Amino acid sequence: MLGKFIESKEANPILTKHFVIVHLEMGAAKQSNPGTEKYLAQYEGQGKGAPFLAFLDARGKMIVNSLRGGTANIGYPGDPHEIDWFMVMLQQAAPKMSKKERAAIEVKLRSYRRK
């Protein structure tokens, strides 16, 4: 679901304008990225579930991650409180993102609401 959202015609142009998106696969599967555990530990995501999201600055310093309240990983933001946290994450990580761009992202996320 996260990949579908990121690649959507509504979200992708906005997200790629403000971020360099990097996917790290976790786990023992063949397609997993070696070293992922190191990054999960570094950005506080170890053992917190998937997907785990972290927004970093150009030097690799974490700005914000998907641990709402510092403990609960929102994963893919599908529930209202998860979407609310994701919008906070965007505000912190991309303060130059326009209100119109953020609104478009939020509308797209809310359109994927879990049934």
C-alpha atoms as a PDB file:
ATOM      1  CA  MET A   1       0.000   0.000   0.000  1.00  0.00           C
ATOM      2  CA  LEU A   2       2.831   2.427   0.843  1.00  0.00           C
ATOM      3  CA  GLY A   3       4.457   1.889  -2.552  1.00  0.00           C
ATOM      4  CA  LYS A   4       1.134   2.444  -4.305  1.00  0.00           C
ATOM      5  CA  PHE A   5       0.684   5.706  -2.404  1.00  0.00           C
ATOM      6  CA  ILE A   6       4.230   6.946  -3.082  1.00  0.00           C
ATOM      7  CA  GLU A   7       3.930   6.145  -6.788  1.00  0.00           C
ATOM      8  CA  SER A   8       0.445   7.639  -7.201  1.00  0.00           C
ATOM      9  CA  LYS A   9       0.043  10.471  -9.692  1.00  0.00           C
ATOM     10  CA  GLU A  10      -1.169  12.728  -6.889  1.00  0.00           C
ATOM     11  CA  ALA A  11       1.558  12.089  -4.321  1.00  0.00           C
ATOM     12  CA  ASN A  12       4.663  11.213  -6.335  1.00  0.00           C
ATOM     13  CA  PRO A  13       5.365  14.628  -7.887  1.00  0.00           C
ATOM     14  CA  ILE A  14       5.057  16.308  -4.491  1.00  0.00           C
ATOM     15  CA  LEU A  15       7.071  13.762  -2.558  1.00  0.00           C
ATOM     16  CA  THR A  16       9.893  13.603  -5.103  1.00  0.00           C
ATOM     17  CA  LYS A  17      10.025  17.407  -5.214  1.00  0.00           C
ATOM     18  CA  HIS A  18      10.779  17.550  -1.485  1.00  0.00           C
ATOM     19  CA  PHE A  19      12.470  14.205  -0.731  1.00  0.00           C
ATOM     20  CA  VAL A  20      14.863  11.596  -2.024  1.00  0.00           C
ATOM     21  CA  ILE A  21      12.907   8.410  -1.379  1.00  0.00           C
ATOM     22  CA  VAL A  22      14.869   5.315  -0.400  1.00  0.00           C
ATOM     23  CA  HIS A  23      13.274   1.925   0.257  1.00  0.00           C
ATOM     24  CA  LEU A  24      15.064  -0.547   2.492  1.00  0.00           C
ATOM     25  CA  GLU A  25      13.586  -4.031   2.632  1.00  0.00           C
ATOM     26  CA  MET A  26      13.705  -5.667   6.051  1.00  0.00           C
ATOM     27  CA  GLY A  27      13.946  -9.290   7.013  1.00  0.00           C
ATOM     28  CA  ALA A  28      15.580 -12.469   5.848  1.00  0.00           C
ATOM     29  CA  ALA A  29      14.088 -12.499   2.343  1.00  0.00           C
ATOM     30  CA  LYS A  30      16.386 -12.526  -0.661  1.00  0.00           C
ATOM     31  CA  GLN A  31      15.386  -8.992  -1.654  1.00  0.00           C
ATOM     32  CA  SER A  32      16.250  -7.574   1.782  1.00  0.00           C
ATOM     33  CA  ASN A  33      18.949  -4.928   1.917  1.00  0.00           C
ATOM     34  CA  PRO A  34      22.121  -5.839   3.817  1.00  0.00           C
ATOM     35  CA  GLY A  35      22.650  -3.358   6.623  1.00  0.00           C
ATOM     36  CA  THR A  36      18.985  -2.489   7.079  1.00  0.00           C
ATOM     37  CA  GLU A  37      19.155  -3.494  10.750  1.00  0.00           C
ATOM     38  CA  LYS A  38      21.904  -0.901  11.289  1.00  0.00           C
ATOM     39  CA  TYR A  39      19.658   1.855   9.945  1.00  0.00           C
ATOM     40  CA  LEU A  40      16.651   0.639  11.910  1.00  0.00           C
ATOM     41  CA  ALA A  41      18.710   0.832  15.096  1.00  0.00           C
ATOM     42  CA  GLN A  42      20.151   4.229  14.182  1.00  0.00           C
ATOM     43  CA  TYR A  43      16.726   5.753  13.503  1.00  0.00           C
ATOM     44  CA  GLU A  44      14.907   4.030  16.402  1.00  0.00           C
ATOM     45  CA  GLY A  45      12.940   1.562  14.290  1.00  0.00           C
ATOM     46  CA  GLN A  46      14.416  -1.734  15.426  1.00  0.00           C
ATOM     47  CA  GLY A  47      11.618  -4.088  16.445  1.00  0.00           C
ATOM     48  CA  LYS A  48       8.943  -1.473  15.750  1.00  0.00           C
ATOM     49  CA  GLY A  49       7.284  -3.177  12.768  1.00  0.00           C
ATOM     50  CA  ALA A  50       6.970  -2.357   9.106  1.00  0.00           C
ATOM     51  CA  PRO A  51       6.808  -0.155   7.317  1.00  0.00           C
ATOM     52  CA  PHE A  52       8.994   2.103   9.390  1.00  0.00           C
ATOM     53  CA  LEU A  53       9.442   5.642   8.069  1.00  0.00           C
ATOM     54  CA  ALA A  54      12.190   8.122   8.848  1.00  0.00           C
ATOM     55  CA  PHE A  55      12.776  11.542   7.351  1.00  0.00           C
ATOM     56  CA  LEU A  56      16.440  12.560   7.338  1.00  0.00           C
ATOM     57  CA  ASP A  57      18.268  15.769   6.542  1.00  0.00           C
ATOM     58  CA  ALA A  58      20.956  15.949   3.836  1.00  0.00           C
ATOM     59  CA  ARG A  59      23.591  14.748   6.325  1.00  0.00           C
ATOM     60  CA  GLY A  60      21.586  11.694   7.366  1.00  0.00           C
ATOM     61  CA  LYS A  61      20.450  13.120  10.705  1.00  0.00           C
ATOM     62  CA  MET A  62      16.921  12.079  11.573  1.00  0.00           C
ATOM     63  CA  ILE A  63      14.339  14.853  11.551  1.00  0.00           C
ATOM     64  CA  VAL A  64      11.343  12.709  12.506  1.00  0.00           C
ATOM     65  CA  ASN A  65      10.257   9.095  12.299  1.00  0.00           C
ATOM     66  CA  SER A  66       6.989   7.183  12.274  1.00  0.00           C
ATOM     67  CA  LEU A  67       7.002   6.563  16.032  1.00  0.00           C
ATOM     68  CA  ARG A  68       3.995   8.597  17.087  1.00  0.00           C
ATOM     69  CA  GLY A  69       4.585   9.700  20.657  1.00  0.00           C
ATOM     70  CA  GLY A  70       8.035   8.157  20.474  1.00  0.00           C
ATOM     71  CA  THR A  71       6.757   4.592  20.860  1.00  0.00           C
ATOM     72  CA  ALA A  72       3.954   3.521  18.499  1.00  0.00           C
ATOM     73  CA  ASN A  73       4.948   3.028  14.856  1.00  0.00           C
ATOM     74  CA  ILE A  74       2.174   4.276  12.588  1.00  0.00           C
ATOM     75  CA  GLY A  75       3.429   2.025   9.758  1.00  0.00           C
ATOM     76  CA  TYR A  76       1.447   2.807   6.633  1.00  0.00           C
ATOM     77  CA  PRO A  77      -0.699   5.755   7.707  1.00  0.00           C
ATOM     78  CA  GLY A  78      -4.214   4.453   7.140  1.00  0.00           C
ATOM     79  CA  ASP A  79      -6.150   5.305  10.285  1.00  0.00           C
ATOM     80  CA  PRO A  80      -7.025   8.944  11.023  1.00  0.00           C
ATOM     81  CA  HIS A  81      -4.569   9.297  13.939  1.00  0.00           C
ATOM     82  CA  GLU A  82      -1.804   7.755  11.778  1.00  0.00           C
ATOM     83  CA  ILE A  83      -2.510  10.164   8.933  1.00  0.00           C
ATOM     84  CA  ASP A  84      -2.496  13.033  11.412  1.00  0.00           C
ATOM     85  CA  TRP A  85       1.007  11.983  12.574  1.00  0.00           C
ATOM     86  CA  PHE A  86       2.224  11.567   8.993  1.00  0.00           C
ATOM     87  CA  MET A  87       1.102  15.131   8.274  1.00  0.00           C
ATOM     88  CA  VAL A  88       3.094  16.332  11.314  1.00  0.00           C
ATOM     89  CA  MET A  89       6.075  14.405   9.945  1.00  0.00           C
ATOM     90  CA  LEU A  90       5.740  16.166   6.578  1.00  0.00           C
ATOM     91  CA  GLN A  91       5.515  19.577   8.241  1.00  0.00           C
ATOM     92  CA  GLN A  92       8.686  18.909  10.238  1.00  0.00           C
ATOM     93  CA  ALA A  93      10.647  17.303   7.399  1.00  0.00           C
ATOM     94  CA  ALA A  94       9.577  19.637   4.583  1.00  0.00           C
ATOM     95  CA  PRO A  95       8.589  23.008   6.052  1.00  0.00           C
ATOM     96  CA  LYS A  96       8.718  24.552   2.569  1.00  0.00           C
ATOM     97  CA  MET A  97       6.035  22.174   1.292  1.00  0.00           C
ATOM     98  CA  SER A  98       3.031  24.343   0.495  1.00  0.00           C
ATOM     99  CA  LYS A  99      -0.316  24.009   2.223  1.00  0.00           C
ATOM    100  CA  LYS A 100      -1.783  23.003  -1.136  1.00  0.00           C
ATOM    101  CA  GLU A 101       0.801  20.226  -1.548  1.00  0.00           C
ATOM    102  CA  ARG A 102       0.232  18.950   1.995  1.00  0.00           C
ATOM    103  CA  ALA A 103      -3.528  19.014   1.428  1.00  0.00           C
ATOM    104  CA  ALA A 104      -3.142  16.932  -1.740  1.00  0.00           C
ATOM    105  CA  ILE A 105      -1.073  14.360   0.168  1.00  0.00           C
ATOM    106  CA  GLU A 106      -3.618  14.225   2.966  1.00  0.00           C
ATOM    107  CA  VAL A 107      -6.565  13.824   0.585  1.00  0.00           C
ATOM    108  CA  LYS A 108      -4.782  10.946  -1.166  1.00  0.00           C
ATOM    109  CA  LEU A 109      -3.959   9.204   2.129  1.00  0.00           C
ATOM    110  CA  ARG A 110      -7.502   9.549   3.396  1.00  0.00           C
ATOM    111  CA  SER A 111      -8.824   8.143   0.105  1.00  0.00           C
ATOM    112  CA  TYR A 112      -7.045   4.851   0.943  1.00  0.00           C
ATOM    113  CA  ARG A 113      -8.877   4.456   4.253  1.00  0.00           C
ATOM    114  CA  ARG A 114      -8.956   0.927   5.552  1.00  0.00           C
ATOM    115  CA  LYS A 115     -12.283  -0.760   5.083  1.00  0.00           C
END
